[in-house]
Amino acid sequence: MPIRKLPEAPPSVHLLGPTVFLVALGVGMGESYMWPRLVLLFGPEIRWLFLIGVTLQAIVLLEMSRYAMATGESIFTGAARVFKPIMWFFFTIAILIYIWPGHLSAGALAFESVTGISWQIAAIVGMVLVGLVFTLAKVIYNLLETVLSILIGTLVVGTAIIASLVGTWGDLASTITGMFAFGYLPEEALTAAWFPVIVGSIAFAGPSGMQQMWYTLHLRDKGAGMGAHIPQLRGLRSAGEEEVMPSRGFMFDTDDPEEMAKWRGWRRWVTFDALLLFWGITMLVTISFTVLAQAAARNSPNVVNLLRDGEREAALNAMSDSFASVGIPALGGVFMSFIALIGLNATLGLFDSFSRGQSDMAYHFIPGAKRFRMAHLYAGFLWGVIIFGICILLWGPADGPAAILDVLAFLSTFAMGAYCVVLLLVNNRLLPKPIRPKLWSNLIIGFGAVFYLGMLFYSLIRFGVVLD
């Protein structure tokens, strides 16, 4: 790669960073829907699996950022440098997993309970609006960072207030101690009905599937490290102003002490992003929802039976009823409004990330794609996934949003195990020795590959099912 200067790193302590996209995706249906459902069934002690999942993803985030900040390239390009079929594998997996409108449809179902508007209609209108926002944006990253920051701030404060109104100090204590009940796994959790759901929920402990890989593209648009030498992605309306994308990334001189000092500054910056903003905010929101789930179990004793009978939405309804039980019935609608907001929040991040990742791979590796601007490819994938999503909502699974979410979560586990393997190959084979990961980091990423793929294949071999 051509050698260029590494930009000076910003202060380590900051309010916003590209991790806002992962927080937007992480504080989604896993934290607000899938894990509260498991808490209702198995108690707060099941959350030790969430702690492992979200901590593992924080380490993955740090290692995903390593290659992107050192080169300005996405992890997909790094995978292609190792073995091009690996990149095509993720290109295909992204289409198979992320064209399903699970997050928005689940949020739309909550919106239906508040307004009476059909969840299919609300979800379709939401998808079209998201597409228009991205199409009309001048620089997509700048718009999304601002919008998602406002939404996340609202969610963090709002869910904490809701939990404080309906929960007790005992709920909070059991929520926190439950995170450390390592090894707790009741017999029912190991059945064909629930073990695949647990596997998917662990993948949804934070941003799931390929969202960590797409994070490398957001780092680049933020100008992190050598990403400062790569043009930003523009919306379709401003495609004519887009600079030509370079065919490869850049590298800094790792033998220069000044450059290495700047590199360490960038690593401190992204570590703050990973540990305080990503891990901290994700844990705070899921603690609030776990408190809500325990309050729901007291107020709606029948909810567990409903969940066992296949009523997937019973968990959200019970938490809404719990919130309304403080004496103001309208507060149940406020809770559902937060769920709708989470669905929109996650959809904004997912649609952008999917389109960004697919257009990056298409631009660099599909012959003839460079005749188009990156903005044109982005718009093509964006509206393609919107049109497919509309078709699924109109003629897709009869079981509704929850069924889509369960399938999405389980498939995400496969992608996560695979990207752990790719991380080990890219960072240890392509980067200069002074900036390669430490042994402890490689061991954790290796554990992640075994953890995700092991659970998935155990489910397939032991029960012969993906999801019931």
Protein backbone atom coordinates (compact mmCIF):
# COMPACT_ATOMS: atom_id res chain seq x y z
CA MET A 1 0.00 0.00 0.00
CA PRO A 2 1.17 3.58 -0.60
CA ILE A 3 2.64 5.21 2.52
CA ARG A 4 0.93 8.35 3.84
CA LYS A 5 0.95 10.27 7.09
CA LEU A 6 -1.36 9.15 9.87
CA PRO A 7 -3.57 12.06 11.03
CA GLU A 8 -3.33 13.26 14.60
CA ALA A 9 -5.70 11.39 16.91
CA PRO A 10 -8.53 13.33 18.58
CA PRO A 11 -8.86 13.34 22.40
CA SER A 12 -9.56 9.91 23.83
CA VAL A 13 -12.59 11.08 25.83
CA HIS A 14 -15.41 12.13 23.51
CA LEU A 15 -19.19 12.18 23.25
CA LEU A 16 -19.73 10.86 19.74
CA GLY A 17 -17.89 8.41 17.54
CA PRO A 18 -18.64 5.83 14.85
CA THR A 19 -19.66 3.44 17.63
CA VAL A 20 -22.95 5.37 17.67
CA PHE A 21 -23.96 3.11 14.77
CA LEU A 22 -23.20 -0.05 16.73
CA VAL A 23 -25.04 1.32 19.75
CA ALA A 24 -28.01 2.10 17.51
CA LEU A 25 -27.96 -1.46 16.25
CA GLY A 26 -27.04 -2.95 19.62
CA VAL A 27 -29.79 -1.18 21.56
CA GLY A 28 -32.38 -2.93 19.44
CA MET A 29 -34.75 -5.83 19.54
CA GLY A 30 -32.31 -8.13 21.31
CA GLU A 31 -32.18 -5.89 24.39
CA SER A 32 -35.81 -4.78 24.33
CA TYR A 33 -37.55 -7.93 23.15
CA MET A 34 -35.52 -11.15 22.95
CA TRP A 35 -33.67 -10.95 26.28
CA PRO A 36 -36.67 -9.78 28.34
CA ARG A 37 -38.51 -12.79 26.92
CA LEU A 38 -35.76 -15.10 28.19
CA VAL A 39 -35.74 -13.34 31.59
CA LEU A 40 -39.48 -13.93 31.91
CA LEU A 41 -38.99 -17.61 31.16
CA PHE A 42 -35.77 -18.42 33.00
CA GLY A 43 -35.17 -15.54 35.41
CA PRO A 44 -32.51 -12.80 35.46
CA GLU A 45 -29.76 -15.40 36.04
CA ILE A 46 -29.86 -16.19 32.30
CA ARG A 47 -28.22 -12.78 31.70
CA TRP A 48 -24.72 -14.17 32.28
CA LEU A 49 -24.91 -15.25 28.64
CA PHE A 50 -25.71 -11.66 27.66
CA LEU A 51 -22.67 -10.42 29.59
CA ILE A 52 -20.41 -12.82 27.70
CA GLY A 53 -21.99 -11.89 24.39
CA VAL A 54 -21.73 -8.10 24.73
CA THR A 55 -18.20 -8.23 26.22
CA LEU A 56 -17.03 -10.44 23.40
CA GLN A 57 -18.48 -8.01 20.90
CA ALA A 58 -16.64 -5.10 22.53
CA ILE A 59 -13.33 -6.93 21.98
CA VAL A 60 -14.37 -7.75 18.40
CA LEU A 61 -15.09 -4.05 17.86
CA LEU A 62 -11.54 -3.17 18.90
CA GLU A 63 -10.06 -5.73 16.53
CA MET A 64 -12.36 -4.75 13.64
CA SER A 65 -11.13 -1.18 14.03
CA ARG A 66 -7.47 -2.20 13.89
CA TYR A 67 -7.31 -3.01 10.18
CA ALA A 68 -9.71 -0.24 9.15
CA MET A 69 -7.81 2.52 10.97
CA ALA A 70 -4.43 1.24 9.83
CA THR A 71 -5.34 1.09 6.12
CA GLY A 72 -8.58 3.00 5.44
CA GLU A 73 -9.95 -0.21 3.91
CA SER A 74 -12.99 -2.14 5.09
CA ILE A 75 -12.63 -5.59 6.63
CA PHE A 76 -14.26 -6.92 3.43
CA THR A 77 -11.32 -5.70 1.35
CA GLY A 78 -8.96 -7.22 3.91
CA ALA A 79 -10.80 -10.54 3.58
CA ALA A 80 -10.46 -10.36 -0.21
CA ARG A 81 -6.71 -9.80 0.17
CA VAL A 82 -6.46 -13.03 2.15
CA PHE A 83 -8.73 -15.09 -0.14
CA LYS A 84 -11.28 -13.45 -2.42
CA PRO A 85 -14.01 -16.13 -2.00
CA ILE A 86 -14.16 -15.16 1.71
CA MET A 87 -15.32 -11.70 0.71
CA TRP A 88 -17.94 -13.14 -1.67
CA PHE A 89 -19.11 -15.39 1.16
CA PHE A 90 -19.95 -12.33 3.27
CA PHE A 91 -21.47 -10.56 0.28
CA THR A 92 -23.88 -13.48 -0.08
CA ILE A 93 -24.50 -13.94 3.64
CA ALA A 94 -25.44 -10.26 3.98
CA ILE A 95 -28.15 -10.67 1.37
CA LEU A 96 -29.49 -13.86 2.95
CA ILE A 97 -29.65 -12.36 6.46
CA TYR A 98 -30.29 -8.64 6.23
CA ILE A 99 -32.98 -8.32 3.62
CA TRP A 100 -35.52 -9.40 6.27
CA PRO A 101 -37.29 -6.39 7.86
CA GLY A 102 -37.41 -7.83 11.38
CA HIS A 103 -36.48 -4.79 13.48
CA LEU A 104 -38.79 -2.32 11.79
CA SER A 105 -41.72 -4.74 11.66
CA ALA A 106 -41.40 -5.48 15.38
CA GLY A 107 -41.34 -1.75 16.10
CA ALA A 108 -44.32 -1.30 13.78
CA LEU A 109 -46.27 -3.92 15.74
CA ALA A 110 -45.73 -1.86 18.89
CA PHE A 111 -46.82 1.22 16.95
CA GLU A 112 -50.03 -0.60 15.95
CA SER A 113 -50.89 -1.22 19.60
CA VAL A 114 -50.69 2.54 20.23
CA THR A 115 -52.35 3.90 17.09
CA GLY A 116 -54.39 1.05 15.64
CA ILE A 117 -52.56 1.43 12.29
CA SER A 118 -51.74 -1.96 10.76
CA TRP A 119 -48.14 -2.96 11.48
CA GLN A 120 -47.61 -3.88 7.82
CA ILE A 121 -48.67 -0.43 6.65
CA ALA A 122 -46.60 1.33 9.34
CA ALA A 123 -43.52 -0.73 8.49
CA ILE A 124 -43.87 -0.09 4.76
CA VAL A 125 -44.25 3.66 5.29
CA GLY A 126 -41.27 3.60 7.68
CA MET A 127 -39.04 1.83 5.13
CA VAL A 128 -39.94 4.26 2.36
CA LEU A 129 -39.25 7.23 4.64
CA VAL A 130 -35.85 5.79 5.62
CA GLY A 131 -35.03 5.34 1.94
CA LEU A 132 -35.98 8.93 1.13
CA VAL A 133 -33.89 10.30 4.02
CA PHE A 134 -30.77 8.49 2.81
CA THR A 135 -31.41 9.38 -0.82
CA LEU A 136 -31.75 13.10 -0.10
CA ALA A 137 -28.86 13.33 2.39
CA LYS A 138 -25.76 15.18 1.21
CA VAL A 139 -23.22 13.23 3.29
CA ILE A 140 -24.91 10.16 4.77
CA TYR A 141 -22.57 9.64 7.72
CA ASN A 142 -22.99 13.16 9.10
CA LEU A 143 -26.79 12.96 8.97
CA LEU A 144 -26.93 9.52 10.56
CA GLU A 145 -24.53 10.35 13.38
CA THR A 146 -26.69 13.31 14.39
CA VAL A 147 -30.04 11.52 14.10
CA LEU A 148 -28.92 8.33 15.84
CA SER A 149 -27.29 10.27 18.68
CA ILE A 150 -30.59 12.02 19.42
CA LEU A 151 -32.56 8.76 19.23
CA ILE A 152 -30.12 6.87 21.46
CA GLY A 153 -30.08 9.63 24.06
CA THR A 154 -33.88 9.54 24.14
CA LEU A 155 -33.90 5.76 24.51
CA VAL A 156 -31.32 5.62 27.29
CA VAL A 157 -33.03 8.28 29.40
CA GLY A 158 -36.53 7.09 28.60
CA THR A 159 -35.99 3.40 29.40
CA ALA A 160 -34.21 4.29 32.65
CA ILE A 161 -37.18 6.42 33.74
CA ILE A 162 -39.66 3.69 32.81
CA ALA A 163 -37.70 1.06 34.73
CA SER A 164 -37.41 3.28 37.81
CA LEU A 165 -41.18 3.77 37.88
CA VAL A 166 -42.22 0.10 37.74
CA GLY A 167 -39.21 -1.77 39.14
CA THR A 168 -37.89 -2.21 42.66
CA TRP A 169 -34.43 -2.15 44.20
CA GLY A 170 -34.76 -5.92 44.46
CA ASP A 171 -35.31 -6.15 40.68
CA LEU A 172 -32.18 -4.07 40.10
CA ALA A 173 -30.13 -6.21 42.50
CA SER A 174 -31.22 -9.50 40.90
CA THR A 175 -30.58 -8.02 37.44
CA ILE A 176 -26.98 -7.18 38.34
CA THR A 177 -26.25 -10.40 40.24
CA GLY A 178 -27.84 -12.40 37.43
CA MET A 179 -25.08 -11.23 35.11
CA PHE A 180 -22.61 -13.26 37.17
CA ALA A 181 -24.61 -16.50 37.55
CA PHE A 182 -22.14 -18.24 35.24
CA GLY A 183 -23.18 -21.73 34.21
CA TYR A 184 -26.87 -21.28 35.04
CA LEU A 185 -28.91 -23.01 32.34
CA PRO A 186 -32.24 -24.58 33.34
CA GLU A 187 -33.32 -27.83 31.69
CA GLU A 188 -36.03 -26.14 29.62
CA ALA A 189 -33.41 -23.86 28.06
CA LEU A 190 -31.74 -26.90 26.52
CA THR A 191 -34.83 -28.01 24.60
CA ALA A 192 -35.47 -27.76 20.88
CA ALA A 193 -38.05 -25.06 21.53
CA TRP A 194 -35.73 -22.63 23.35
CA PHE A 195 -32.05 -23.44 22.80
CA PRO A 196 -32.04 -22.08 19.21
CA VAL A 197 -33.72 -18.89 20.52
CA ILE A 198 -30.99 -18.58 23.17
CA VAL A 199 -28.34 -18.99 20.46
CA GLY A 200 -29.92 -16.18 18.46
CA SER A 201 -30.33 -14.00 21.54
CA ILE A 202 -26.61 -14.28 22.34
CA ALA A 203 -25.92 -13.07 18.81
CA PHE A 204 -28.34 -10.20 19.50
CA ALA A 205 -26.44 -9.20 22.68
CA GLY A 206 -25.31 -5.99 21.07
CA PRO A 207 -25.06 -5.55 17.28
CA SER A 208 -25.49 -8.90 15.61
CA GLY A 209 -24.16 -10.64 12.55
CA MET A 210 -22.17 -8.50 10.12
CA GLN A 211 -22.85 -5.20 11.84
CA GLN A 212 -19.37 -5.22 13.37
CA MET A 213 -17.90 -5.62 9.87
CA TRP A 214 -19.90 -2.67 8.57
CA TYR A 215 -18.53 -0.65 11.46
CA THR A 216 -15.20 -0.54 9.59
CA LEU A 217 -16.93 1.48 6.85
CA HIS A 218 -18.35 3.93 9.38
CA LEU A 219 -14.87 4.34 10.84
CA ARG A 220 -13.63 5.24 7.39
CA ASP A 221 -16.35 7.82 6.82
CA LYS A 222 -15.58 9.29 10.24
CA GLY A 223 -12.00 9.80 9.07
CA ALA A 224 -10.54 7.55 11.76
CA GLY A 225 -6.87 6.78 11.21
CA MET A 226 -6.01 6.28 7.56
CA GLY A 227 -9.72 6.57 6.73
CA ALA A 228 -9.06 10.31 6.59
CA HIS A 229 -7.55 9.70 3.13
CA ILE A 230 -10.76 8.09 1.76
CA PRO A 231 -13.70 10.21 0.43
CA GLN A 232 -17.02 10.12 2.31
CA LEU A 233 -20.07 8.36 0.88
CA ARG A 234 -22.74 10.74 -0.42
CA GLY A 235 -26.48 10.43 -0.93
CA LEU A 236 -27.91 9.95 -4.42
CA ARG A 237 -28.95 13.62 -4.66
CA SER A 238 -25.32 14.68 -4.18
CA ALA A 239 -23.68 11.87 -6.17
CA GLY A 240 -22.20 14.36 -8.64
CA GLU A 241 -20.06 15.89 -5.87
CA GLU A 242 -18.51 12.55 -4.90
CA GLU A 243 -14.74 12.24 -5.18
CA VAL A 244 -13.25 9.24 -6.96
CA MET A 245 -12.73 6.33 -4.58
CA PRO A 246 -9.13 5.03 -4.52
CA SER A 247 -8.68 1.43 -5.61
CA ARG A 248 -6.78 0.56 -2.41
CA GLY A 249 -6.09 1.88 1.05
CA PHE A 250 -2.94 3.39 2.53
CA MET A 251 -0.43 2.52 5.24
CA PHE A 252 1.61 4.65 7.61
CA ASP A 253 5.28 4.13 8.42
CA THR A 254 5.30 1.77 11.41
CA ASP A 255 9.06 2.30 11.84
CA ASP A 256 8.54 6.01 12.57
CA PRO A 257 8.19 6.66 16.34
CA GLU A 258 6.02 9.74 15.73
CA GLU A 259 3.63 7.77 13.57
CA MET A 260 3.43 4.99 16.16
CA ALA A 261 2.66 7.57 18.86
CA LYS A 262 -0.25 8.83 16.75
CA TRP A 263 -1.38 5.22 16.23
CA ARG A 264 -1.50 4.63 19.99
CA GLY A 265 -3.60 7.79 20.29
CA TRP A 266 -6.10 6.39 17.78
CA ARG A 267 -6.21 3.09 19.69
CA ARG A 268 -7.02 4.95 22.92
CA TRP A 269 -9.75 6.85 21.09
CA VAL A 270 -11.44 3.70 19.76
CA THR A 271 -11.00 1.89 23.09
CA PHE A 272 -13.02 4.62 24.81
CA ASP A 273 -15.63 4.20 22.08
CA ALA A 274 -15.78 0.44 22.62
CA LEU A 275 -15.79 0.25 26.40
CA LEU A 276 -17.69 3.32 27.59
CA LEU A 277 -19.99 4.21 24.71
CA PHE A 278 -20.73 0.79 23.24
CA TRP A 279 -20.44 -1.61 26.20
CA GLY A 280 -21.64 0.89 28.79
CA ILE A 281 -24.74 2.19 26.99
CA THR A 282 -25.77 -1.27 25.80
CA MET A 283 -25.52 -2.66 29.33
CA LEU A 284 -27.42 0.29 30.81
CA VAL A 285 -30.37 -0.14 28.46
CA THR A 286 -30.57 -3.91 28.88
CA ILE A 287 -30.51 -3.50 32.68
CA SER A 288 -33.56 -1.24 32.36
CA PHE A 289 -35.41 -3.78 30.23
CA THR A 290 -34.52 -6.64 32.56
CA VAL A 291 -36.00 -4.71 35.49
CA LEU A 292 -39.10 -4.16 33.36
CA ALA A 293 -39.33 -7.88 32.57
CA GLN A 294 -39.26 -8.81 36.26
CA ALA A 295 -41.97 -6.26 37.03
CA ALA A 296 -44.01 -7.71 34.15
CA ALA A 297 -43.69 -11.21 35.62
CA ARG A 298 -45.30 -9.98 38.87
CA ASN A 299 -48.10 -8.04 37.20
CA SER A 300 -48.88 -10.64 34.51
CA PRO A 301 -48.30 -14.11 36.03
CA ASN A 302 -49.77 -15.80 32.95
CA VAL A 303 -47.18 -14.33 30.58
CA VAL A 304 -44.81 -17.30 30.95
CA ASN A 305 -47.53 -19.73 29.87
CA LEU A 306 -48.35 -17.52 26.90
CA LEU A 307 -44.70 -17.54 25.82
CA ARG A 308 -44.53 -21.32 26.13
CA ASP A 309 -47.67 -21.57 24.00
CA GLY A 310 -45.98 -19.67 21.19
CA GLU A 311 -47.34 -16.17 21.84
CA ARG A 312 -44.10 -14.36 20.96
CA GLU A 313 -45.45 -10.85 21.55
CA ALA A 314 -46.64 -11.67 25.09
CA ALA A 315 -43.41 -10.31 26.61
CA LEU A 316 -43.83 -6.83 25.15
CA ASN A 317 -47.52 -6.74 26.06
CA ALA A 318 -46.75 -7.75 29.65
CA MET A 319 -44.07 -5.05 30.02
CA SER A 320 -46.48 -2.48 28.60
CA ASP A 321 -49.15 -3.55 31.12
CA SER A 322 -46.55 -3.35 33.89
CA PHE A 323 -45.74 0.23 32.99
CA ALA A 324 -49.43 1.12 32.90
CA SER A 325 -49.88 -0.45 36.36
CA VAL A 326 -48.31 2.56 38.10
CA GLY A 327 -51.71 4.23 37.84
CA ILE A 328 -51.69 5.94 34.44
CA PRO A 329 -53.00 3.60 31.70
CA ALA A 330 -51.63 5.85 28.94
CA LEU A 331 -48.09 4.99 30.06
CA GLY A 332 -48.51 1.55 28.46
CA GLY A 333 -48.75 3.34 25.14
CA VAL A 334 -45.65 5.36 25.97
CA PHE A 335 -43.73 2.11 26.48
CA MET A 336 -44.88 0.77 23.11
CA SER A 337 -43.85 4.06 21.53
CA PHE A 338 -40.33 3.45 22.83
CA ILE A 339 -40.35 0.00 21.23
CA ALA A 340 -41.45 1.54 17.94
CA LEU A 341 -38.62 4.07 18.26
CA ILE A 342 -36.12 1.24 18.84
CA GLY A 343 -37.35 -0.48 15.68
CA LEU A 344 -36.89 2.71 13.65
CA ASN A 345 -33.50 3.35 15.26
CA ALA A 346 -32.22 -0.12 14.36
CA THR A 347 -33.63 0.08 10.84
CA LEU A 348 -31.84 3.36 10.11
CA GLY A 349 -28.55 1.73 11.09
CA LEU A 350 -29.21 -1.59 9.36
CA PHE A 351 -30.38 -0.23 6.02
CA ASP A 352 -27.44 2.15 5.82
CA SER A 353 -24.92 -0.48 6.91
CA PHE A 354 -26.17 -3.16 4.52
CA SER A 355 -26.19 -0.78 1.55
CA ARG A 356 -22.80 0.64 2.51
CA GLY A 357 -21.17 -2.79 2.83
CA GLN A 358 -22.64 -4.24 -0.37
CA SER A 359 -21.80 -1.17 -2.44
CA ASP A 360 -18.21 -1.16 -1.13
CA MET A 361 -17.68 -4.79 -2.15
CA ALA A 362 -19.49 -4.33 -5.46
CA TYR A 363 -17.52 -1.20 -6.37
CA HIS A 364 -14.12 -2.78 -5.79
CA PHE A 365 -14.71 -6.36 -6.93
CA ILE A 366 -17.54 -6.60 -9.47
CA PRO A 367 -16.17 -6.01 -13.00
CA GLY A 368 -17.56 -2.84 -14.53
CA ALA A 369 -19.02 -1.53 -11.26
CA LYS A 370 -16.61 1.41 -11.21
CA ARG A 371 -18.50 2.91 -14.13
CA PHE A 372 -20.97 3.96 -11.43
CA ARG A 373 -20.34 6.20 -8.47
CA MET A 374 -20.41 4.67 -5.02
CA ALA A 375 -23.54 6.72 -4.28
CA HIS A 376 -25.36 5.06 -7.20
CA LEU A 377 -24.49 1.57 -5.97
CA TYR A 378 -25.50 2.50 -2.43
CA ALA A 379 -28.90 3.74 -3.64
CA GLY A 380 -29.41 0.56 -5.68
CA PHE A 381 -28.85 -1.74 -2.71
CA LEU A 382 -30.85 0.53 -0.40
CA TRP A 383 -33.98 0.55 -2.54
CA GLY A 384 -33.51 -3.10 -3.40
CA VAL A 385 -33.70 -4.13 0.26
CA ILE A 386 -36.67 -1.78 0.79
CA ILE A 387 -38.63 -3.30 -2.11
CA PHE A 388 -37.86 -6.84 -0.92
CA GLY A 389 -38.88 -5.89 2.62
CA ILE A 390 -42.21 -4.56 1.40
CA CYS A 391 -42.84 -7.84 -0.43
CA ILE A 392 -42.03 -9.84 2.73
CA LEU A 393 -44.34 -7.70 4.84
CA LEU A 394 -47.20 -8.13 2.38
CA TRP A 395 -46.77 -11.79 1.45
CA GLY A 396 -44.14 -13.16 3.86
CA PRO A 397 -44.23 -15.23 7.10
CA ALA A 398 -47.69 -15.52 8.58
CA ASP A 399 -46.35 -15.48 12.15
CA GLY A 400 -45.52 -11.78 11.93
CA PRO A 401 -42.51 -9.74 13.08
CA ALA A 402 -41.36 -12.00 15.91
CA ALA A 403 -40.88 -14.94 13.55
CA ILE A 404 -38.74 -12.76 11.27
CA LEU A 405 -36.64 -11.63 14.25
CA ASP A 406 -36.03 -15.19 15.47
CA VAL A 407 -34.78 -16.32 12.06
CA LEU A 408 -32.63 -13.19 11.68
CA ALA A 409 -31.05 -13.73 15.10
CA PHE A 410 -30.16 -17.37 14.52
CA LEU A 411 -28.62 -16.73 11.08
CA SER A 412 -26.59 -13.87 12.56
CA THR A 413 -24.77 -16.32 14.82
CA PHE A 414 -23.26 -18.04 11.79
CA ALA A 415 -21.96 -14.76 10.36
CA MET A 416 -20.42 -13.82 13.72
CA GLY A 417 -18.48 -17.05 14.07
CA ALA A 418 -17.21 -16.63 10.53
CA TYR A 419 -16.07 -13.03 10.99
CA CYS A 420 -14.04 -13.99 14.06
CA VAL A 421 -12.04 -16.36 11.85
CA VAL A 422 -11.60 -13.63 9.22
CA LEU A 423 -10.41 -11.15 11.86
CA LEU A 424 -7.64 -13.50 12.95
CA LEU A 425 -6.48 -13.99 9.36
CA VAL A 426 -6.62 -10.33 8.29
CA ASN A 427 -5.01 -8.73 11.35
CA ASN A 428 -2.26 -11.31 11.76
CA ARG A 429 -1.36 -11.85 8.11
CA LEU A 430 -1.77 -8.41 6.51
CA LEU A 431 -0.73 -5.87 9.13
CA PRO A 432 2.91 -5.01 9.94
CA LYS A 433 4.15 -6.72 13.12
CA PRO A 434 4.28 -3.53 15.27
CA ILE A 435 0.51 -3.04 14.99
CA ARG A 436 -0.73 -6.63 15.02
CA PRO A 437 -3.02 -7.74 17.89
CA LYS A 438 -1.61 -9.12 21.15
CA LEU A 439 -1.82 -12.80 22.06
CA TRP A 440 -4.65 -12.26 24.57
CA SER A 441 -6.73 -10.51 21.93
CA ASN A 442 -6.23 -13.34 19.43
CA LEU A 443 -7.23 -15.88 22.08
CA ILE A 444 -10.49 -14.01 22.81
CA ILE A 445 -11.36 -13.71 19.12
CA GLY A 446 -10.57 -17.41 18.69
CA PHE A 447 -12.87 -18.18 21.61
CA GLY A 448 -15.57 -16.13 19.86
CA ALA A 449 -15.33 -18.26 16.74
CA VAL A 450 -15.67 -21.46 18.77
CA PHE A 451 -18.41 -19.97 20.95
CA TYR A 452 -20.68 -18.79 18.14
CA LEU A 453 -20.15 -21.64 15.69
CA GLY A 454 -20.13 -24.24 18.46
CA MET A 455 -23.55 -23.17 19.74
CA LEU A 456 -25.00 -23.03 16.26
CA PHE A 457 -23.79 -26.47 15.18
CA TYR A 458 -24.70 -28.00 18.54
CA SER A 459 -28.25 -26.76 17.97
CA LEU A 460 -28.34 -28.26 14.49
CA ILE A 461 -26.81 -31.60 15.50
CA ARG A 462 -28.51 -32.01 18.87
CA PHE A 463 -32.01 -30.91 17.87
CA GLY A 464 -31.95 -31.13 14.10
CA VAL A 465 -33.57 -27.71 13.82
CA VAL A 466 -32.63 -24.10 13.26
CA LEU A 467 -35.80 -22.72 14.82
CA ASP A 468 -39.07 -24.37 15.76
